């Protein structure tokens, strides 16, 4: 259904085509050329990340992480149930058993207090998903990782340009994965990035990134020829995607400022105290009543990736979606609990049988409202 106000509209800065044309003129269109390196160097410098590797998607970055960790059959990886399938699939592909952790009661992020009970002698990693640009408690997660000798991967798909305790998200974990999908704050249609903060992984990451070859060493004159030396795949994005992304990165501050204004406009509206007269007669909006939400609002201003409402149940959410459709506004719900998926039922039946009530509640009651750069102009019209 095409509505007057869609859920998302990819923003273009106006410079994308000129940079793509420049990439074409440079004559290097495959990966790891001028614009790929330009984007990587910019992000490393701006956020003090470790080594950055642009990828074709965040899924690719997660799959690179699984290869780097040498995941074997029977290894366990702890993942939130309320997340996108790629978070779990990347490690299941390598043979890992996925152990799901419930969401917090007050937010879709993983409940950090439930992690320790899920750690076993087979646990190899924790994947911390920063839902909606709201950071997990990385201090608590890293303390557990140190105690049990685990690797921490940040799934920062939605979390570009946010900070936790004045430190950039993406710089905390041993590894971090970002998305530049068209629904993200900055985008290139399809794209992602692996950040390697643990130097022990950096050299091998470069080999995996280059399809399992030592091509990078050859390009640097370190070897006389390159050959197959490890696992890998075609993870590099085209220079055309990287050129597009560079135009977005140049306007990161401008994009974030506009998104922040939209997020705050939503927040102010729903805190106005006049909900009885608004278009939300069916909403429960539990999160807007809590002190936790006020704190979350403050942190969200740094990223403003999405704005969501919570409803008392699935039926009330459905009624509100229908009400918005009549106003030609598209709103969408989000993830379905992975522990209750058909895949989990077949391959992780013990996880399928677990009760993770908060993840299920967010699956049934959370609704995302439109949030993209041109939204204020559309609303004015």
Protein backbone atom coordinates (compact mmCIF):
# COMPACT_ATOMS: atom_id res chain seq x y z
CA UNK A 1 0.00 0.00 0.00
CA UNK A 2 1.40 3.37 -1.04
CA UNK A 3 0.61 6.01 1.57
CA UNK A 4 1.21 9.73 1.65
CA UNK A 5 3.72 9.33 4.46
CA UNK A 6 5.77 6.12 4.05
CA UNK A 7 7.61 4.50 6.90
CA UNK A 8 10.99 5.32 5.39
CA UNK A 9 12.46 7.35 2.55
CA UNK A 10 16.23 7.10 1.91
CA UNK A 11 17.81 10.54 2.14
CA UNK A 12 20.14 11.82 -0.58
CA UNK A 13 22.52 14.66 0.14
CA UNK A 14 22.80 15.69 -3.53
CA UNK A 15 26.47 14.69 -3.80
CA UNK A 16 26.03 10.96 -4.31
CA UNK A 17 25.95 10.98 -8.12
CA UNK A 18 28.96 13.26 -8.44
CA UNK A 19 31.04 10.97 -6.22
CA UNK A 20 29.82 7.89 -8.09
CA UNK A 21 30.82 9.58 -11.36
CA UNK A 22 34.22 10.37 -9.85
CA UNK A 23 34.63 6.72 -8.84
CA UNK A 24 33.86 5.70 -12.42
CA UNK A 25 36.40 8.17 -13.77
CA UNK A 26 39.04 6.78 -11.40
CA UNK A 27 38.62 3.42 -13.13
CA UNK A 28 38.47 1.27 -9.98
CA UNK A 29 34.94 -0.03 -9.39
CA UNK A 30 35.55 -3.18 -7.36
CA UNK A 31 36.15 -3.04 -3.62
CA UNK A 32 38.89 -1.46 -1.55
CA UNK A 33 39.51 1.53 -3.79
CA UNK A 34 39.69 5.27 -3.14
CA UNK A 35 36.23 5.74 -1.60
CA UNK A 36 36.28 2.54 0.43
CA UNK A 37 39.52 3.62 2.06
CA UNK A 38 38.26 7.18 2.49
CA UNK A 39 35.17 6.01 4.40
CA UNK A 40 37.15 3.58 6.56
CA UNK A 41 39.76 6.17 7.50
CA UNK A 42 37.09 8.75 8.32
CA UNK A 43 35.20 6.41 10.66
CA UNK A 44 38.37 5.17 12.34
CA UNK A 45 39.48 8.72 12.99
CA UNK A 46 36.14 10.19 14.06
CA UNK A 47 35.26 7.45 16.57
CA UNK A 48 38.70 6.07 17.41
CA UNK A 49 37.60 2.67 16.16
CA UNK A 50 40.07 -0.11 15.54
CA UNK A 51 40.57 -1.30 11.97
CA UNK A 52 37.46 -0.76 9.83
CA UNK A 53 36.38 -2.98 6.94
CA UNK A 54 33.48 -1.82 4.79
CA UNK A 55 31.25 -4.72 3.78
CA UNK A 56 28.27 -5.26 1.52
CA UNK A 57 25.96 -5.50 4.53
CA UNK A 58 25.88 -5.74 8.30
CA UNK A 59 25.05 -9.41 7.77
CA UNK A 60 28.43 -9.77 6.04
CA UNK A 61 30.15 -8.10 8.99
CA UNK A 62 28.47 -10.50 11.40
CA UNK A 63 29.44 -13.48 9.25
CA UNK A 64 33.05 -12.25 9.19
CA UNK A 65 32.88 -12.11 13.00
CA UNK A 66 31.74 -15.72 13.17
CA UNK A 67 34.65 -16.83 10.96
CA UNK A 68 37.11 -14.79 13.03
CA UNK A 69 35.91 -16.50 16.22
CA UNK A 70 36.51 -19.96 14.69
CA UNK A 71 33.00 -20.99 15.69
CA UNK A 72 32.73 -24.78 15.77
CA UNK A 73 29.82 -27.21 15.99
CA UNK A 74 28.49 -27.11 19.55
CA UNK A 75 29.91 -23.72 20.50
CA UNK A 76 27.33 -21.46 22.12
CA UNK A 77 26.69 -17.81 21.33
CA UNK A 78 24.36 -15.67 23.44
CA UNK A 79 22.06 -13.46 21.37
CA UNK A 80 18.93 -11.45 22.24
CA UNK A 81 15.70 -13.02 21.07
CA UNK A 82 14.34 -9.62 19.99
CA UNK A 83 16.64 -8.87 17.07
CA UNK A 84 16.98 -9.32 13.33
CA UNK A 85 17.63 -12.85 12.13
CA UNK A 86 21.16 -12.00 10.85
CA UNK A 87 22.36 -11.54 14.42
CA UNK A 88 21.79 -15.22 15.13
CA UNK A 89 22.08 -16.65 11.63
CA UNK A 90 25.70 -15.57 11.17
CA UNK A 91 26.77 -17.85 14.02
CA UNK A 92 24.28 -20.66 13.33
CA UNK A 93 25.81 -20.92 9.85
CA UNK A 94 29.13 -21.89 11.47
CA UNK A 95 27.46 -24.55 13.63
CA UNK A 96 26.89 -22.62 16.84
CA UNK A 97 24.03 -23.26 19.18
CA UNK A 98 22.20 -19.97 19.72
CA UNK A 99 21.25 -19.26 23.32
CA UNK A 100 18.64 -16.53 23.55
CA UNK A 101 18.46 -13.89 26.27
CA UNK A 102 15.27 -12.03 27.11
CA UNK A 103 14.80 -8.29 26.67
CA UNK A 104 14.79 -5.88 29.56
CA UNK A 105 11.38 -5.14 31.02
CA UNK A 106 11.72 -1.45 30.16
CA UNK A 107 13.46 -1.66 26.76
CA UNK A 108 13.95 -4.10 23.87
CA UNK A 109 17.71 -4.41 24.54
CA UNK A 110 19.00 -7.63 26.12
CA UNK A 111 18.62 -7.93 29.88
CA UNK A 112 22.25 -7.76 31.00
CA UNK A 113 21.32 -9.16 34.43
CA UNK A 114 20.18 -12.44 32.84
CA UNK A 115 23.40 -13.09 30.90
CA UNK A 116 25.49 -14.83 33.55
CA UNK A 117 22.95 -17.62 34.11
CA UNK A 118 23.16 -18.45 30.38
CA UNK A 119 26.96 -18.83 30.27
CA UNK A 120 28.25 -22.39 30.08
CA UNK A 121 31.58 -24.07 29.40
CA UNK A 122 30.65 -23.98 25.70
CA UNK A 123 29.86 -20.28 25.52
CA UNK A 124 32.16 -18.46 23.15
CA UNK A 125 30.62 -15.02 22.64
CA UNK A 126 27.95 -12.50 23.58
CA UNK A 127 26.35 -10.43 20.82
CA UNK A 128 25.09 -7.13 22.22
CA UNK A 129 22.44 -5.52 19.99
CA UNK A 130 21.98 -1.77 20.54
CA UNK A 131 18.31 -1.60 19.61
CA UNK A 132 17.16 1.67 18.07
CA UNK A 133 20.46 3.37 18.83
CA UNK A 134 20.04 2.85 22.59
CA UNK A 135 23.23 1.35 24.06
CA UNK A 136 23.44 -1.81 26.10
CA UNK A 137 25.29 -1.66 29.42
CA UNK A 138 28.70 -2.36 27.92
CA UNK A 139 30.51 -2.06 31.25
CA UNK A 140 28.48 -4.92 32.70
CA UNK A 141 28.74 -7.04 29.55
CA UNK A 142 32.51 -6.60 29.24
CA UNK A 143 33.00 -7.41 32.93
CA UNK A 144 31.23 -10.73 32.37
CA UNK A 145 33.24 -11.36 29.22
CA UNK A 146 36.49 -10.79 31.09
CA UNK A 147 35.39 -13.06 33.93
CA UNK A 148 34.47 -15.95 31.63
CA UNK A 149 36.98 -15.29 28.81
CA UNK A 150 34.33 -14.51 26.18
CA UNK A 151 34.36 -12.39 23.03
CA UNK A 152 31.90 -9.48 22.79
CA UNK A 153 30.48 -8.50 19.42
CA UNK A 154 28.48 -5.30 19.20
CA UNK A 155 25.61 -5.51 16.73
CA UNK A 156 25.54 -1.75 16.15
CA UNK A 157 23.44 -1.94 12.97
CA UNK A 158 21.22 0.88 14.23
CA UNK A 159 23.78 2.65 16.38
CA UNK A 160 26.01 4.89 14.27
CA UNK A 161 27.14 8.07 16.06
CA UNK A 162 26.03 7.26 19.60
CA UNK A 163 28.01 7.20 22.81
CA UNK A 164 27.91 5.30 26.08
CA UNK A 165 29.71 6.92 29.00
CA UNK A 166 31.30 9.36 26.52
CA UNK A 167 32.76 6.52 24.47
CA UNK A 168 31.48 5.67 20.97
CA UNK A 169 29.34 2.61 20.53
CA UNK A 170 31.31 0.32 18.25
CA UNK A 171 34.53 0.90 20.18
CA UNK A 172 33.62 -1.25 23.21
CA UNK A 173 33.45 -4.80 21.89
CA UNK A 174 36.27 -6.91 20.51
CA UNK A 175 34.32 -6.60 17.26
CA UNK A 176 31.46 -4.36 16.12
CA UNK A 177 29.13 -4.52 13.13
CA UNK A 178 27.33 -1.57 11.51
CA UNK A 179 24.67 -1.30 8.81
CA UNK A 180 24.33 1.23 6.01
CA UNK A 181 21.05 -0.23 4.72
CA UNK A 182 18.63 2.29 3.24
CA UNK A 183 16.59 2.34 6.48
CA UNK A 184 19.56 3.52 8.57
CA UNK A 185 20.55 7.08 9.51
CA UNK A 186 23.27 7.09 6.87
CA UNK A 187 23.03 4.63 4.02
CA UNK A 188 24.20 3.49 0.62
CA UNK A 189 21.28 1.24 -0.27
CA UNK A 190 23.01 -1.88 1.01
CA UNK A 191 26.20 -1.70 3.04
CA UNK A 192 27.87 -2.45 6.34
CA UNK A 193 31.12 -2.38 8.26
CA UNK A 194 33.13 -4.60 10.57
CA UNK A 195 35.15 -2.83 13.25
CA UNK A 196 38.04 -4.85 14.69
CA UNK A 197 39.03 -3.36 18.04
CA UNK A 198 41.11 -6.35 19.18
CA UNK A 199 44.39 -6.17 17.26
CA UNK A 200 44.76 -9.95 17.45
CA UNK A 201 41.93 -10.25 14.92
CA UNK A 202 43.00 -7.48 12.52
CA UNK A 203 45.38 -9.37 10.20
CA UNK A 204 43.09 -12.35 9.80
CA UNK A 205 40.07 -10.09 9.26
CA UNK A 206 41.85 -8.58 6.27
CA UNK A 207 42.39 -12.06 4.79
CA UNK A 208 38.75 -13.08 5.37
CA UNK A 209 37.62 -9.78 3.84
CA UNK A 210 39.71 -10.54 0.74
CA UNK A 211 37.98 -13.89 0.08
CA UNK A 212 40.43 -15.86 2.20
CA UNK A 213 43.51 -14.74 0.26
CA UNK A 214 46.60 -12.74 1.21
CA UNK A 215 45.88 -10.28 -1.58
CA UNK A 216 46.35 -7.28 0.72
CA UNK A 217 49.87 -8.44 1.55
CA UNK A 218 50.55 -8.79 -2.16
CA UNK A 219 49.24 -5.26 -2.84
CA UNK A 220 51.61 -3.94 -0.16
CA UNK A 221 54.58 -5.76 -1.69
CA UNK A 222 54.92 -8.08 1.31
CA UNK A 223 54.63 -11.26 -0.81
CA UNK A 224 55.48 -11.97 -4.48
CA UNK A 225 52.06 -13.47 -5.25
CA UNK A 226 48.81 -14.06 -3.44
CA UNK A 227 47.03 -17.30 -2.77
CA UNK A 228 44.27 -18.96 -0.73
CA UNK A 229 45.33 -19.00 2.93
CA UNK A 230 42.11 -19.06 5.02
CA UNK A 231 38.33 -19.05 4.96
CA UNK A 232 36.70 -15.98 3.47
CA UNK A 233 34.13 -14.68 1.06
CA UNK A 234 33.25 -11.74 -1.18
CA UNK A 235 32.55 -9.26 1.61
CA UNK A 236 33.82 -6.03 0.01
CA UNK A 237 31.33 -3.48 -1.31
CA UNK A 238 31.64 -1.93 -4.74
CA UNK A 239 33.39 1.44 -5.00
CA UNK A 240 30.05 2.80 -6.27
CA UNK A 241 28.45 1.98 -2.91
CA UNK A 242 31.40 3.44 -1.03
CA UNK A 243 31.24 6.65 -3.10
CA UNK A 244 27.55 6.97 -2.25
CA UNK A 245 28.33 6.36 1.42
CA UNK A 246 31.02 9.05 1.43
CA UNK A 247 28.42 11.65 0.42
CA UNK A 248 26.35 10.56 3.42
CA UNK A 249 29.27 10.64 5.84
CA UNK A 250 30.11 14.18 4.79
CA UNK A 251 26.59 15.20 5.87
CA UNK A 252 26.42 13.06 9.02
CA UNK A 253 26.03 16.04 11.36
CA UNK A 254 23.26 17.59 9.26
CA UNK A 255 21.40 14.28 8.99
CA UNK A 256 21.62 13.62 12.72
CA UNK A 257 20.44 17.12 13.59
CA UNK A 258 17.30 16.75 11.45
CA UNK A 259 16.50 13.27 12.78
CA UNK A 260 16.98 14.49 16.34
CA UNK A 261 14.49 17.31 15.75
CA UNK A 262 11.91 14.84 14.43
CA UNK A 263 12.47 12.47 17.35
CA UNK A 264 12.04 15.28 19.87
CA UNK A 265 8.89 16.50 18.09
CA UNK A 266 7.40 13.02 18.51
CA UNK A 267 8.52 12.89 22.13
CA UNK A 268 7.05 16.29 22.95
CA UNK A 269 3.76 15.37 21.31
CA UNK A 270 3.33 12.17 23.28
CA UNK A 271 4.33 13.89 26.50
CA UNK A 272 1.91 16.76 25.93
CA UNK A 273 -0.71 15.36 28.30
CA UNK A 274 -3.50 15.55 25.72
CA UNK A 275 -3.46 11.93 24.56
CA UNK A 276 -7.20 11.54 25.18
CA UNK A 277 -7.80 13.99 22.33
CA UNK A 278 -5.05 12.60 20.11
CA UNK A 279 -5.08 9.81 17.56
CA UNK A 280 -4.03 7.31 20.25
CA UNK A 281 -7.22 6.24 22.04
CA UNK A 282 -6.13 2.59 22.00
CA UNK A 283 -2.56 3.02 23.14
CA UNK A 284 -1.17 1.98 26.47
CA UNK A 285 2.17 3.78 26.07
CA UNK A 286 3.61 2.27 29.20
CA UNK A 287 7.11 3.46 28.40
CA UNK A 288 6.09 7.12 28.38
CA UNK A 289 5.14 6.93 32.04
CA UNK A 290 8.50 5.85 33.38
CA UNK A 291 11.63 7.62 34.53
CA UNK A 292 13.56 5.08 32.45
CA UNK A 293 11.91 6.44 29.32
CA UNK A 294 12.95 9.99 30.19
CA UNK A 295 16.54 8.81 30.54
CA UNK A 296 16.22 6.88 27.29
CA UNK A 297 14.93 10.00 25.56
CA UNK A 298 18.07 11.87 26.49
CA UNK A 299 20.33 9.15 25.12
CA UNK A 300 18.25 8.69 21.98
CA UNK A 301 18.89 12.28 20.98
CA UNK A 302 22.41 11.29 19.97
CA UNK A 303 21.17 8.92 17.26
CA UNK A 304 17.39 9.14 16.72
CA UNK A 305 17.33 6.00 14.62
CA UNK A 306 13.72 5.12 15.34
CA UNK A 307 10.73 6.15 17.42
CA UNK A 308 8.44 3.49 18.80
CA UNK A 309 5.24 3.20 20.79
CA UNK A 310 4.15 0.36 23.04
CA UNK A 311 0.59 -0.92 23.21
CA UNK A 312 -1.26 -3.00 25.73
CA UNK A 313 -1.64 -5.88 23.30
CA UNK A 314 -1.41 -6.87 19.64
CA UNK A 315 -5.05 -6.07 18.92
CA UNK A 316 -4.69 -2.48 20.13
CA UNK A 317 -1.58 -2.08 18.00
CA UNK A 318 -3.51 -3.37 14.98
CA UNK A 319 -6.30 -0.86 15.58
CA UNK A 320 -3.80 1.98 15.76
CA UNK A 321 -2.10 0.89 12.53
CA UNK A 322 -5.50 0.97 10.84
CA UNK A 323 -6.18 4.41 12.27
CA UNK A 324 -2.88 5.70 10.85
CA UNK A 325 -3.60 4.11 7.47
CA UNK A 326 -6.80 6.15 7.25
CA UNK A 327 -4.59 9.21 7.66
CA UNK A 328 -2.27 7.80 4.94
CA UNK A 329 0.57 7.24 7.43
CA UNK A 330 2.52 3.99 7.40
CA UNK A 331 3.69 2.53 10.72
CA UNK A 332 5.23 -0.92 11.15
CA UNK A 333 5.95 -3.34 13.95
CA UNK A 334 9.35 -4.99 14.23
CA UNK A 335 11.06 -8.27 15.11
CA UNK A 336 9.32 -11.48 16.04
CA UNK A 337 10.97 -13.35 18.92
CA UNK A 338 13.66 -15.56 17.40
CA UNK A 339 13.37 -18.18 20.13
CA UNK A 340 9.78 -18.78 18.95
CA UNK A 341 10.72 -19.08 15.27
CA UNK A 342 10.23 -22.18 13.12
CA UNK A 343 14.01 -22.44 12.79
CA UNK A 344 14.50 -22.52 16.57
CA UNK A 345 11.75 -25.10 16.91
CA UNK A 346 13.63 -27.39 14.49
CA UNK A 347 17.25 -26.78 15.51
CA UNK A 348 17.15 -25.35 19.05
CA UNK A 349 14.07 -26.99 20.61
CA UNK A 350 15.27 -26.32 24.15
CA UNK A 351 15.35 -22.60 23.30
CA UNK A 352 11.94 -22.78 21.65
CA UNK A 353 10.46 -24.11 24.88
CA UNK A 354 11.87 -21.29 27.01
CA UNK A 355 9.72 -18.44 28.27
CA UNK A 356 11.11 -15.02 27.36
CA UNK A 357 8.12 -12.82 28.19
CA UNK A 358 9.64 -9.40 27.56
CA UNK A 359 10.92 -10.27 24.07
CA UNK A 360 7.46 -11.62 23.27
CA UNK A 361 5.80 -8.49 24.64
CA UNK A 362 7.87 -6.22 22.40
CA UNK A 363 7.13 -8.47 19.42
CA UNK A 364 3.41 -8.12 20.09
CA UNK A 365 3.12 -4.51 21.24
CA UNK A 366 5.90 -2.37 19.70
CA UNK A 367 5.10 -0.09 16.76
CA UNK A 368 7.57 2.12 14.86
CA UNK A 369 6.47 5.48 13.48
CA UNK A 370 7.90 7.07 10.30
CA UNK A 371 11.25 8.76 10.88
CA UNK A 372 13.32 10.06 7.97
CA UNK A 373 15.00 13.28 6.92
CA UNK A 374 12.15 14.83 4.87
CA UNK A 375 9.39 13.90 7.30
CA UNK A 376 8.76 17.43 8.65
CA UNK A 377 8.30 18.76 5.12
CA UNK A 378 5.80 15.99 4.35
CA UNK A 379 3.90 16.68 7.55
CA UNK A 380 3.71 20.38 6.73
CA UNK A 381 2.15 19.48 3.39
